[in-house]
Amino acid sequence: MSSLETNLGKVKLKNPILLASGTCGVAAREFEPYFKLSDLGSIVTKSLSIKPRVGNPTPRVVEVSPACGMLNSIGLQNPGIEYFVKNELPYLTEQKVTCVINIVGETLDDYLQAVDVIKNKSEFCAIELNLSCPNVEGGLDFSQDPKKAFTMVSEVKKITNIPVWAKLSPNITDITEIAKACIDAGSDGLCLINTVLGLAINRWTKKPVLPRGVGGYSGPAIKPIALRMIWETYKKFPKTPIIGIGGIHTTDDAIEFLLCGASAIQIGTANFVNPKASIEIIEGLKKYMEQMKISSINEIVGQAHLQSEKPLAKSAY
């Protein structure tokens, strides 16, 4: 029988499908009517900071037509990590949900204070450091400067034994430079990619639709960008687990990410269109593995690289 169990270094999940941070509420309660959260590989919490954040002014979301995704500028609104631990974590524990906690801050000290609150909590299988939010001032600093990325990851690693994943930005010339800095600092995994900087203009007001101007672009159109960055990163660092993110809506999308080098994937914008997308992809992966006679999902991770290295067959003409 085929196994969807996924190996991400120190983290083992029942399957490679996670719900991406910011797309499933604070603790994914909104998905209760559709499926059991415990059936997922994991959920990733809303980005949580040491203090509550009110977020950016509205409007915060713009749909990009036709069916290309959306721009968002939420501004990291969240109730604060202490509220989450007290009011949301017991719910996830009761539901037997595997949980990755996403941490965010404006300064290194902000991150360290937030991590300190949960540093010994076994309820979390990993900490995802949001180093790459484009919707707040300075939100990309840690994902665009290798030295800052190295410092962030290494300092967090000093205060917790929970595996640490770094979530990186596509808004950079060479993502492998930041990836290397995070790996050198001890990152246990890399989450690629966060949203792409984008802009929408209202033709009637002749102004940007979002109050901050730019926002984070997500959805089907960014899939090729995410695949390319995962491809480049896996090629250089094949031993570091990669969690793929960006435009994944179908089983076919998920398979492409796995073949490209991701060991797991996160479903994001698709949740707004189809709240059952993650469960449907899990079922689709099972069927694919049966059809291809694959015993473990880990077997196909990075296989596209092996195929690309084979010499081209000589033409018969």
C-alpha atoms as a PDB file:
ATOM      1  CA  MET A   1       0.000   0.000   0.000  1.00  0.00           C
ATOM      2  CA  SER A   2       1.275   3.479  -0.892  1.00  0.00           C
ATOM      3  CA  SER A   3       2.384   5.747   1.958  1.00  0.00           C
ATOM      4  CA  LEU A   4       1.928   9.519   2.018  1.00  0.00           C
ATOM      5  CA  GLU A   5       4.054   9.864   5.159  1.00  0.00           C
ATOM      6  CA  THR A   6       6.488  12.686   4.544  1.00  0.00           C
ATOM      7  CA  ASN A   7       9.992  13.171   5.902  1.00  0.00           C
ATOM      8  CA  LEU A   8      11.103  16.751   6.551  1.00  0.00           C
ATOM      9  CA  GLY A   9      14.295  16.170   8.462  1.00  0.00           C
ATOM     10  CA  LYS A  10      13.326  16.026  12.125  1.00  0.00           C
ATOM     11  CA  VAL A  11       9.658  16.480  11.220  1.00  0.00           C
ATOM     12  CA  LYS A  12       7.534  13.567  10.021  1.00  0.00           C
ATOM     13  CA  LEU A  13       3.994  14.218   8.787  1.00  0.00           C
ATOM     14  CA  LYS A  14       1.202  11.780   7.868  1.00  0.00           C
ATOM     15  CA  ASN A  15       1.021  13.428   4.426  1.00  0.00           C
ATOM     16  CA  PRO A  16       2.697  16.345   2.604  1.00  0.00           C
ATOM     17  CA  ILE A  17      -0.300  18.705   2.593  1.00  0.00           C
ATOM     18  CA  LEU A  18      -0.345  21.750   4.898  1.00  0.00           C
ATOM     19  CA  LEU A  19      -2.608  24.786   5.069  1.00  0.00           C
ATOM     20  CA  ALA A  20      -0.581  27.955   4.539  1.00  0.00           C
ATOM     21  CA  SER A  21      -0.325  30.685   7.140  1.00  0.00           C
ATOM     22  CA  GLY A  22      -2.861  33.473   6.778  1.00  0.00           C
ATOM     23  CA  THR A  23      -5.222  31.444   4.590  1.00  0.00           C
ATOM     24  CA  CYS A  24      -6.958  29.350   7.253  1.00  0.00           C
ATOM     25  CA  GLY A  25      -7.819  31.848   9.957  1.00  0.00           C
ATOM     26  CA  VAL A  26      -5.829  31.947  13.168  1.00  0.00           C
ATOM     27  CA  ALA A  27      -6.170  28.223  13.915  1.00  0.00           C
ATOM     28  CA  ALA A  28      -8.171  26.820  10.963  1.00  0.00           C
ATOM     29  CA  ARG A  29     -11.481  26.612  12.851  1.00  0.00           C
ATOM     30  CA  GLU A  30     -13.221  27.808   9.674  1.00  0.00           C
ATOM     31  CA  PHE A  31     -12.525  24.466   7.983  1.00  0.00           C
ATOM     32  CA  GLU A  32     -14.418  22.368  10.543  1.00  0.00           C
ATOM     33  CA  PRO A  33     -17.560  22.063   8.361  1.00  0.00           C
ATOM     34  CA  TYR A  34     -15.545  20.665   5.451  1.00  0.00           C
ATOM     35  CA  PHE A  35     -13.151  18.035   6.853  1.00  0.00           C
ATOM     36  CA  LYS A  36     -11.257  16.884   9.917  1.00  0.00           C
ATOM     37  CA  LEU A  37      -8.190  19.041  10.457  1.00  0.00           C
ATOM     38  CA  SER A  38      -6.368  15.990  11.797  1.00  0.00           C
ATOM     39  CA  ASP A  39      -6.507  14.492   8.278  1.00  0.00           C
ATOM     40  CA  LEU A  40      -4.002  17.077   7.062  1.00  0.00           C
ATOM     41  CA  GLY A  41      -0.265  16.789   7.296  1.00  0.00           C
ATOM     42  CA  SER A  42      -0.352  20.017   9.311  1.00  0.00           C
ATOM     43  CA  ILE A  43      -1.813  23.491   9.514  1.00  0.00           C
ATOM     44  CA  VAL A  44       0.320  26.614   9.737  1.00  0.00           C
ATOM     45  CA  THR A  45      -1.054  29.234  12.105  1.00  0.00           C
ATOM     46  CA  LYS A  46      -1.645  32.867  11.279  1.00  0.00           C
ATOM     47  CA  SER A  47       1.532  34.892  11.705  1.00  0.00           C
ATOM     48  CA  LEU A  48       1.739  35.577  15.436  1.00  0.00           C
ATOM     49  CA  SER A  49       3.631  38.428  17.071  1.00  0.00           C
ATOM     50  CA  ILE A  50       4.561  39.186  20.656  1.00  0.00           C
ATOM     51  CA  LYS A  51       1.897  41.913  20.754  1.00  0.00           C
ATOM     52  CA  PRO A  52      -1.512  41.982  18.993  1.00  0.00           C
ATOM     53  CA  ARG A  53      -1.590  43.797  15.637  1.00  0.00           C
ATOM     54  CA  VAL A  54      -4.584  45.553  14.089  1.00  0.00           C
ATOM     55  CA  GLY A  55      -3.291  45.267  10.539  1.00  0.00           C
ATOM     56  CA  ASN A  56      -3.529  47.624   7.583  1.00  0.00           C
ATOM     57  CA  PRO A  57      -6.461  49.875   6.640  1.00  0.00           C
ATOM     58  CA  THR A  58      -9.106  48.495   4.284  1.00  0.00           C
ATOM     59  CA  PRO A  59      -9.520  47.487   1.513  1.00  0.00           C
ATOM     60  CA  ARG A  60      -7.046  44.690   2.088  1.00  0.00           C
ATOM     61  CA  VAL A  61      -7.767  42.247  -0.730  1.00  0.00           C
ATOM     62  CA  VAL A  62      -8.057  42.702  -4.496  1.00  0.00           C
ATOM     63  CA  GLU A  63      -9.046  39.894  -6.854  1.00  0.00           C
ATOM     64  CA  VAL A  64      -6.937  39.813  -9.998  1.00  0.00           C
ATOM     65  CA  SER A  65      -8.976  38.934 -13.089  1.00  0.00           C
ATOM     66  CA  PRO A  66      -9.427  36.738 -14.927  1.00  0.00           C
ATOM     67  CA  ALA A  67      -8.956  34.063 -12.238  1.00  0.00           C
ATOM     68  CA  CYS A  68      -5.280  34.899 -11.772  1.00  0.00           C
ATOM     69  CA  GLY A  69      -5.274  35.123  -7.973  1.00  0.00           C
ATOM     70  CA  MET A  70      -5.323  38.031  -5.593  1.00  0.00           C
ATOM     71  CA  LEU A  71      -3.361  40.841  -4.013  1.00  0.00           C
ATOM     72  CA  ASN A  72      -3.513  41.163  -0.246  1.00  0.00           C
ATOM     73  CA  SER A  73      -2.308  43.706   2.251  1.00  0.00           C
ATOM     74  CA  ILE A  74      -3.574  42.371   5.569  1.00  0.00           C
ATOM     75  CA  GLY A  75      -0.712  43.814   7.560  1.00  0.00           C
ATOM     76  CA  LEU A  76      -0.169  40.795   9.817  1.00  0.00           C
ATOM     77  CA  GLN A  77      -3.314  41.350  11.884  1.00  0.00           C
ATOM     78  CA  ASN A  78      -3.282  38.832  14.734  1.00  0.00           C
ATOM     79  CA  PRO A  79      -4.370  38.521  18.382  1.00  0.00           C
ATOM     80  CA  GLY A  80      -0.841  38.036  19.730  1.00  0.00           C
ATOM     81  CA  ILE A  81       0.957  34.832  20.585  1.00  0.00           C
ATOM     82  CA  GLU A  82      -0.080  34.697  24.246  1.00  0.00           C
ATOM     83  CA  TYR A  83      -3.756  34.919  23.276  1.00  0.00           C
ATOM     84  CA  PHE A  84      -3.215  32.137  20.760  1.00  0.00           C
ATOM     85  CA  VAL A  85      -1.565  29.832  23.303  1.00  0.00           C
ATOM     86  CA  LYS A  86      -4.336  30.415  25.825  1.00  0.00           C
ATOM     87  CA  ASN A  87      -7.401  30.375  23.543  1.00  0.00           C
ATOM     88  CA  GLU A  88      -6.583  28.570  20.287  1.00  0.00           C
ATOM     89  CA  LEU A  89      -3.917  25.989  21.072  1.00  0.00           C
ATOM     90  CA  PRO A  90      -6.206  23.940  23.387  1.00  0.00           C
ATOM     91  CA  TYR A  91      -8.683  23.611  20.488  1.00  0.00           C
ATOM     92  CA  LEU A  92      -5.986  22.314  18.132  1.00  0.00           C
ATOM     93  CA  THR A  93      -4.736  19.885  20.762  1.00  0.00           C
ATOM     94  CA  GLU A  94      -8.264  18.602  21.388  1.00  0.00           C
ATOM     95  CA  GLN A  95      -8.765  18.070  17.645  1.00  0.00           C
ATOM     96  CA  LYS A  96      -5.402  16.242  17.428  1.00  0.00           C
ATOM     97  CA  VAL A  97      -4.178  18.665  14.781  1.00  0.00           C
ATOM     98  CA  THR A  98      -0.507  18.683  13.797  1.00  0.00           C
ATOM     99  CA  CYS A  99       0.540  22.314  14.032  1.00  0.00           C
ATOM    100  CA  VAL A 100       3.317  24.531  12.702  1.00  0.00           C
ATOM    101  CA  ILE A 101       3.415  27.933  14.389  1.00  0.00           C
ATOM    102  CA  ASN A 102       4.258  30.972  12.261  1.00  0.00           C
ATOM    103  CA  ILE A 103       6.177  33.720  14.065  1.00  0.00           C
ATOM    104  CA  VAL A 104       6.613  37.319  12.948  1.00  0.00           C
ATOM    105  CA  GLY A 105       8.008  40.578  14.304  1.00  0.00           C
ATOM    106  CA  GLU A 106       9.472  43.926  13.348  1.00  0.00           C
ATOM    107  CA  THR A 107      12.836  43.415  15.055  1.00  0.00           C
ATOM    108  CA  LEU A 108      15.021  40.480  16.031  1.00  0.00           C
ATOM    109  CA  ASP A 109      14.009  40.999  19.649  1.00  0.00           C
ATOM    110  CA  ASP A 110      10.308  40.798  18.678  1.00  0.00           C
ATOM    111  CA  TYR A 111      10.878  37.386  17.119  1.00  0.00           C
ATOM    112  CA  LEU A 112      12.888  36.121  20.059  1.00  0.00           C
ATOM    113  CA  GLN A 113      10.258  37.254  22.586  1.00  0.00           C
ATOM    114  CA  ALA A 114       7.515  35.497  20.605  1.00  0.00           C
ATOM    115  CA  VAL A 115       9.519  32.285  20.256  1.00  0.00           C
ATOM    116  CA  ASP A 116      10.336  32.400  23.965  1.00  0.00           C
ATOM    117  CA  VAL A 117       6.621  32.038  24.754  1.00  0.00           C
ATOM    118  CA  ILE A 118       6.375  28.678  22.946  1.00  0.00           C
ATOM    119  CA  LYS A 119       9.977  27.456  22.923  1.00  0.00           C
ATOM    120  CA  ASN A 120       9.256  24.375  25.060  1.00  0.00           C
ATOM    121  CA  LYS A 121       5.789  23.509  23.755  1.00  0.00           C
ATOM    122  CA  SER A 122       5.687  20.035  22.242  1.00  0.00           C
ATOM    123  CA  GLU A 123       2.340  20.816  20.591  1.00  0.00           C
ATOM    124  CA  PHE A 124       4.248  22.413  17.705  1.00  0.00           C
ATOM    125  CA  CYS A 125       6.104  20.227  15.227  1.00  0.00           C
ATOM    126  CA  ALA A 126       7.946  23.223  13.763  1.00  0.00           C
ATOM    127  CA  ILE A 127       8.340  27.000  13.923  1.00  0.00           C
ATOM    128  CA  GLU A 128       7.929  28.846  10.621  1.00  0.00           C
ATOM    129  CA  LEU A 129       9.763  32.174  10.757  1.00  0.00           C
ATOM    130  CA  ASN A 130       7.959  34.676   8.548  1.00  0.00           C
ATOM    131  CA  LEU A 131      10.970  36.565   7.227  1.00  0.00           C
ATOM    132  CA  SER A 132       9.215  37.780   4.125  1.00  0.00           C
ATOM    133  CA  CYS A 133       5.953  39.662   4.546  1.00  0.00           C
ATOM    134  CA  PRO A 134       5.632  42.386   1.868  1.00  0.00           C
ATOM    135  CA  ASN A 135       2.640  44.057   3.518  1.00  0.00           C
ATOM    136  CA  VAL A 136       4.339  45.922   6.356  1.00  0.00           C
ATOM    137  CA  GLU A 137       7.163  48.429   6.576  1.00  0.00           C
ATOM    138  CA  GLY A 138      10.465  46.579   6.701  1.00  0.00           C
ATOM    139  CA  GLY A 139       8.713  43.219   6.306  1.00  0.00           C
ATOM    140  CA  LEU A 140      11.189  42.004   3.684  1.00  0.00           C
ATOM    141  CA  ASP A 141      14.387  43.062   5.454  1.00  0.00           C
ATOM    142  CA  PHE A 142      15.237  39.656   6.904  1.00  0.00           C
ATOM    143  CA  SER A 143      14.635  37.832   3.619  1.00  0.00           C
ATOM    144  CA  GLN A 144      16.654  40.196   1.440  1.00  0.00           C
ATOM    145  CA  ASP A 145      19.823  40.476   3.537  1.00  0.00           C
ATOM    146  CA  PRO A 146      21.801  37.231   4.055  1.00  0.00           C
ATOM    147  CA  LYS A 147      23.471  38.545   7.214  1.00  0.00           C
ATOM    148  CA  LYS A 148      20.140  39.475   8.810  1.00  0.00           C
ATOM    149  CA  ALA A 149      18.638  36.133   7.792  1.00  0.00           C
ATOM    150  CA  PHE A 150      21.598  34.265   9.296  1.00  0.00           C
ATOM    151  CA  THR A 151      21.366  36.222  12.548  1.00  0.00           C
ATOM    152  CA  MET A 152      17.623  35.674  12.851  1.00  0.00           C
ATOM    153  CA  VAL A 153      17.734  31.928  12.339  1.00  0.00           C
ATOM    154  CA  SER A 154      20.839  31.334  14.456  1.00  0.00           C
ATOM    155  CA  GLU A 155      19.497  33.364  17.395  1.00  0.00           C
ATOM    156  CA  VAL A 156      16.135  31.570  17.320  1.00  0.00           C
ATOM    157  CA  LYS A 157      17.896  28.201  17.173  1.00  0.00           C
ATOM    158  CA  LYS A 158      19.750  29.078  20.382  1.00  0.00           C
ATOM    159  CA  ILE A 159      16.572  29.280  22.467  1.00  0.00           C
ATOM    160  CA  THR A 160      14.478  26.343  21.246  1.00  0.00           C
ATOM    161  CA  ASN A 161      14.798  22.720  20.206  1.00  0.00           C
ATOM    162  CA  ILE A 162      11.677  22.882  18.041  1.00  0.00           C
ATOM    163  CA  PRO A 163      12.657  22.552  14.344  1.00  0.00           C
ATOM    164  CA  VAL A 164      12.865  25.934  12.618  1.00  0.00           C
ATOM    165  CA  TRP A 165      11.737  26.635   9.050  1.00  0.00           C
ATOM    166  CA  ALA A 166      12.542  29.922   7.299  1.00  0.00           C
ATOM    167  CA  LYS A 167       9.839  31.323   4.996  1.00  0.00           C
ATOM    168  CA  LEU A 168      11.558  33.218   2.198  1.00  0.00           C
ATOM    169  CA  SER A 169      10.575  35.910  -0.255  1.00  0.00           C
ATOM    170  CA  PRO A 170      10.614  35.715  -4.067  1.00  0.00           C
ATOM    171  CA  ASN A 171      11.265  39.466  -4.139  1.00  0.00           C
ATOM    172  CA  ILE A 172      15.012  39.030  -4.500  1.00  0.00           C
ATOM    173  CA  THR A 173      17.528  38.492  -7.302  1.00  0.00           C
ATOM    174  CA  ASP A 174      18.950  35.155  -6.091  1.00  0.00           C
ATOM    175  CA  ILE A 175      16.910  33.263  -3.501  1.00  0.00           C
ATOM    176  CA  THR A 176      19.680  30.701  -3.027  1.00  0.00           C
ATOM    177  CA  GLU A 177      21.860  33.322  -1.315  1.00  0.00           C
ATOM    178  CA  ILE A 178      19.268  33.764   1.432  1.00  0.00           C
ATOM    179  CA  ALA A 179      18.627  30.019   1.503  1.00  0.00           C
ATOM    180  CA  LYS A 180      22.340  29.368   2.098  1.00  0.00           C
ATOM    181  CA  ALA A 181      22.430  31.928   4.926  1.00  0.00           C
ATOM    182  CA  CYS A 182      19.477  30.237   6.635  1.00  0.00           C
ATOM    183  CA  ILE A 183      20.948  26.755   6.168  1.00  0.00           C
ATOM    184  CA  ASP A 184      24.326  27.884   7.509  1.00  0.00           C
ATOM    185  CA  ALA A 185      22.493  29.302  10.549  1.00  0.00           C
ATOM    186  CA  GLY A 186      20.899  25.915  11.233  1.00  0.00           C
ATOM    187  CA  SER A 187      17.479  26.179   9.561  1.00  0.00           C
ATOM    188  CA  ASP A 188      15.780  22.765   9.534  1.00  0.00           C
ATOM    189  CA  GLY A 189      13.740  23.575   6.440  1.00  0.00           C
ATOM    190  CA  LEU A 190      12.914  26.277   3.896  1.00  0.00           C
ATOM    191  CA  CYS A 191       9.429  27.463   2.925  1.00  0.00           C
ATOM    192  CA  LEU A 192       9.362  28.751  -0.660  1.00  0.00           C
ATOM    193  CA  ILE A 193       7.797  31.109  -1.616  1.00  0.00           C
ATOM    194  CA  ASN A 194       5.909  33.927   0.048  1.00  0.00           C
ATOM    195  CA  THR A 195       3.841  36.320  -2.065  1.00  0.00           C
ATOM    196  CA  VAL A 196       5.190  38.344  -4.987  1.00  0.00           C
ATOM    197  CA  LEU A 197       5.026  42.140  -4.833  1.00  0.00           C
ATOM    198  CA  GLY A 198       2.221  43.452  -7.020  1.00  0.00           C
ATOM    199  CA  LEU A 199       0.033  46.477  -7.650  1.00  0.00           C
ATOM    200  CA  ALA A 200      -3.573  47.098  -8.696  1.00  0.00           C
ATOM    201  CA  ILE A 201      -4.934  50.413 -10.010  1.00  0.00           C
ATOM    202  CA  ASN A 202      -8.533  51.632  -9.857  1.00  0.00           C
ATOM    203  CA  ARG A 203      -9.231  53.186 -13.263  1.00  0.00           C
ATOM    204  CA  TRP A 204     -12.037  55.370 -11.842  1.00  0.00           C
ATOM    205  CA  THR A 205     -10.204  56.908  -8.886  1.00  0.00           C
ATOM    206  CA  LYS A 206      -6.880  56.703 -10.785  1.00  0.00           C
ATOM    207  CA  LYS A 207      -5.213  55.503  -7.592  1.00  0.00           C
ATOM    208  CA  PRO A 208      -3.833  52.207  -6.268  1.00  0.00           C
ATOM    209  CA  VAL A 209      -6.644  50.033  -4.900  1.00  0.00           C
ATOM    210  CA  LEU A 210      -4.748  49.073  -1.750  1.00  0.00           C
ATOM    211  CA  PRO A 211      -4.083  51.930   0.709  1.00  0.00           C
ATOM    212  CA  ARG A 212      -0.403  50.927   0.967  1.00  0.00           C
ATOM    213  CA  GLY A 213      -0.108  50.737  -2.813  1.00  0.00           C
ATOM    214  CA  VAL A 214       1.655  47.406  -3.265  1.00  0.00           C
ATOM    215  CA  GLY A 215       0.481  44.094  -1.870  1.00  0.00           C
ATOM    216  CA  GLY A 216       1.379  40.435  -1.871  1.00  0.00           C
ATOM    217  CA  TYR A 217       0.322  38.650  -5.058  1.00  0.00           C
ATOM    218  CA  SER A 218      -0.697  34.996  -4.754  1.00  0.00           C
ATOM    219  CA  GLY A 219      -2.583  32.429  -6.804  1.00  0.00           C
ATOM    220  CA  PRO A 220      -2.142  30.356  -9.976  1.00  0.00           C
ATOM    221  CA  ALA A 221      -0.037  32.933 -11.823  1.00  0.00           C
ATOM    222  CA  ILE A 222       2.885  32.726  -9.386  1.00  0.00           C
ATOM    223  CA  LYS A 223       3.254  28.937  -9.689  1.00  0.00           C
ATOM    224  CA  PRO A 224       6.029  29.047 -12.329  1.00  0.00           C
ATOM    225  CA  ILE A 225       7.980  31.512 -10.173  1.00  0.00           C
ATOM    226  CA  ALA A 226       7.688  29.272  -7.125  1.00  0.00           C
ATOM    227  CA  LEU A 227       8.684  26.178  -9.106  1.00  0.00           C
ATOM    228  CA  ARG A 228      11.738  27.922 -10.543  1.00  0.00           C
ATOM    229  CA  MET A 229      12.940  29.067  -7.124  1.00  0.00           C
ATOM    230  CA  ILE A 230      12.393  25.625  -5.598  1.00  0.00           C
ATOM    231  CA  TRP A 231      14.241  24.097  -8.546  1.00  0.00           C
ATOM    232  CA  GLU A 232      17.241  26.383  -8.007  1.00  0.00           C
ATOM    233  CA  THR A 233      17.283  25.867  -4.246  1.00  0.00           C
ATOM    234  CA  TYR A 234      16.920  22.075  -4.355  1.00  0.00           C
ATOM    235  CA  LYS A 235      19.675  21.844  -6.963  1.00  0.00           C
ATOM    236  CA  LYS A 236      22.134  23.578  -4.619  1.00  0.00           C
ATOM    237  CA  PHE A 237      20.865  22.213  -1.290  1.00  0.00           C
ATOM    238  CA  PRO A 238      19.206  18.825  -1.910  1.00  0.00           C
ATOM    239  CA  LYS A 239      19.599  17.699   1.703  1.00  0.00           C
ATOM    240  CA  THR A 240      17.561  20.581   3.159  1.00  0.00           C
ATOM    241  CA  PRO A 241      13.793  19.950   3.278  1.00  0.00           C
ATOM    242  CA  ILE A 242      11.773  22.382   1.176  1.00  0.00           C
ATOM    243  CA  ILE A 243       8.117  23.173   1.783  1.00  0.00           C
ATOM    244  CA  GLY A 244       6.669  24.447  -1.491  1.00  0.00           C
ATOM    245  CA  ILE A 245       4.154  27.298  -1.634  1.00  0.00           C
ATOM    246  CA  GLY A 246       2.704  29.302  -4.491  1.00  0.00           C
ATOM    247  CA  GLY A 247      -0.279  28.784  -6.794  1.00  0.00           C
ATOM    248  CA  ILE A 248      -1.042  25.188  -5.808  1.00  0.00           C
ATOM    249  CA  HIS A 249      -4.709  24.474  -6.575  1.00  0.00           C
ATOM    250  CA  THR A 250      -4.802  20.900  -7.883  1.00  0.00           C
ATOM    251  CA  THR A 251      -3.186  17.491  -7.485  1.00  0.00           C
ATOM    252  CA  ASP A 252      -1.240  18.103 -10.683  1.00  0.00           C
ATOM    253  CA  ASP A 253       0.195  21.299  -9.180  1.00  0.00           C
ATOM    254  CA  ALA A 254       1.192  19.441  -6.017  1.00  0.00           C
ATOM    255  CA  ILE A 255       2.949  16.698  -7.983  1.00  0.00           C
ATOM    256  CA  GLU A 256       4.941  19.275  -9.962  1.00  0.00           C
ATOM    257  CA  PHE A 257       6.185  20.836  -6.720  1.00  0.00           C
ATOM    258  CA  LEU A 258       7.221  17.459  -5.312  1.00  0.00           C
ATOM    259  CA  LEU A 259       9.045  16.476  -8.502  1.00  0.00           C
ATOM    260  CA  CYS A 260      10.770  19.854  -8.480  1.00  0.00           C
ATOM    261  CA  GLY A 261      12.234  19.266  -5.004  1.00  0.00           C
ATOM    262  CA  ALA A 262       9.621  20.116  -2.383  1.00  0.00           C
ATOM    263  CA  SER A 263       9.086  17.448   0.284  1.00  0.00           C
ATOM    264  CA  ALA A 264       5.749  18.989   1.303  1.00  0.00           C
ATOM    265  CA  ILE A 265       3.477  21.762   0.085  1.00  0.00           C
ATOM    266  CA  GLN A 266       1.223  24.428   1.551  1.00  0.00           C
ATOM    267  CA  ILE A 267      -2.203  25.254   0.140  1.00  0.00           C
ATOM    268  CA  GLY A 268      -2.960  28.975   0.313  1.00  0.00           C
ATOM    269  CA  THR A 269      -5.098  31.035  -2.059  1.00  0.00           C
ATOM    270  CA  ALA A 270      -6.893  27.886  -3.245  1.00  0.00           C
ATOM    271  CA  ASN A 271      -8.566  27.714   0.180  1.00  0.00           C
ATOM    272  CA  PHE A 272     -10.576  30.843  -0.625  1.00  0.00           C
ATOM    273  CA  VAL A 273     -11.886  29.326  -3.851  1.00  0.00           C
ATOM    274  CA  ASN A 274     -12.344  25.762  -2.672  1.00  0.00           C
ATOM    275  CA  PRO A 275     -12.084  25.049   1.068  1.00  0.00           C
ATOM    276  CA  LYS A 276     -11.805  21.326   0.283  1.00  0.00           C
ATOM    277  CA  ALA A 277      -8.792  21.779  -2.003  1.00  0.00           C
ATOM    278  CA  SER A 278      -6.316  20.290   0.469  1.00  0.00           C
ATOM    279  CA  ILE A 279      -8.335  17.117   1.085  1.00  0.00           C
ATOM    280  CA  GLU A 280      -8.989  16.688  -2.631  1.00  0.00           C
ATOM    281  CA  ILE A 281      -5.255  16.943  -3.299  1.00  0.00           C
ATOM    282  CA  ILE A 282      -4.518  14.294  -0.656  1.00  0.00           C
ATOM    283  CA  GLU A 283      -6.960  11.932  -2.362  1.00  0.00           C
ATOM    284  CA  GLY A 284      -5.492  12.816  -5.748  1.00  0.00           C
ATOM    285  CA  LEU A 285      -1.983  11.986  -4.568  1.00  0.00           C
ATOM    286  CA  LYS A 286      -3.154   8.571  -3.369  1.00  0.00           C
ATOM    287  CA  LYS A 287      -4.608   7.793  -6.812  1.00  0.00           C
ATOM    288  CA  TYR A 288      -1.478   9.046  -8.578  1.00  0.00           C
ATOM    289  CA  MET A 289       0.761   6.850  -6.428  1.00  0.00           C
ATOM    290  CA  GLU A 290      -1.401   3.797  -7.092  1.00  0.00           C
ATOM    291  CA  GLN A 291      -1.395   4.445 -10.839  1.00  0.00           C
ATOM    292  CA  MET A 292       2.385   4.971 -10.892  1.00  0.00           C
ATOM    293  CA  LYS A 293       3.033   2.101  -8.458  1.00  0.00           C
ATOM    294  CA  ILE A 294       4.871   4.403  -6.026  1.00  0.00           C
ATOM    295  CA  SER A 295       5.246   2.967  -2.526  1.00  0.00           C
ATOM    296  CA  SER A 296       6.313   6.189  -0.744  1.00  0.00           C
ATOM    297  CA  ILE A 297       5.669   9.823  -1.655  1.00  0.00           C
ATOM    298  CA  ASN A 298       9.274  10.564  -0.698  1.00  0.00           C
ATOM    299  CA  GLU A 299      10.398   8.594  -3.764  1.00  0.00           C
ATOM    300  CA  ILE A 300       9.327  11.304  -6.201  1.00  0.00           C
ATOM    301  CA  VAL A 301      10.812  14.307  -4.378  1.00  0.00           C
ATOM    302  CA  GLY A 302      13.285  15.975  -6.745  1.00  0.00           C
ATOM    303  CA  GLN A 303      12.860  13.368  -9.486  1.00  0.00           C
ATOM    304  CA  ALA A 304      12.558  16.025 -12.182  1.00  0.00           C
ATOM    305  CA  HIS A 305      16.212  16.860 -11.585  1.00  0.00           C
ATOM    306  CA  LEU A 306      17.235  13.278 -12.359  1.00  0.00           C
ATOM    307  CA  GLN A 307      15.226  13.320 -15.561  1.00  0.00           C
ATOM    308  CA  SER A 308      16.724  16.637 -16.676  1.00  0.00           C
ATOM    309  CA  GLU A 309      20.253  15.296 -16.231  1.00  0.00           C
ATOM    310  CA  LYS A 310      19.720  12.397 -18.668  1.00  0.00           C
ATOM    311  CA  PRO A 311      21.339  12.910 -22.095  1.00  0.00           C
ATOM    312  CA  LEU A 312      18.905  13.680 -24.888  1.00  0.00           C
ATOM    313  CA  ALA A 313      18.202  10.827 -27.264  1.00  0.00           C
ATOM    314  CA  LYS A 314      19.754  11.194 -30.730  1.00  0.00           C
ATOM    315  CA  SER A 315      17.356  12.191 -33.447  1.00  0.00           C
ATOM    316  CA  ALA A 316      16.428   9.529 -35.947  1.00  0.00           C
ATOM    317  CA  TYR A 317      16.547  12.069 -38.749  1.00  0.00           C
END
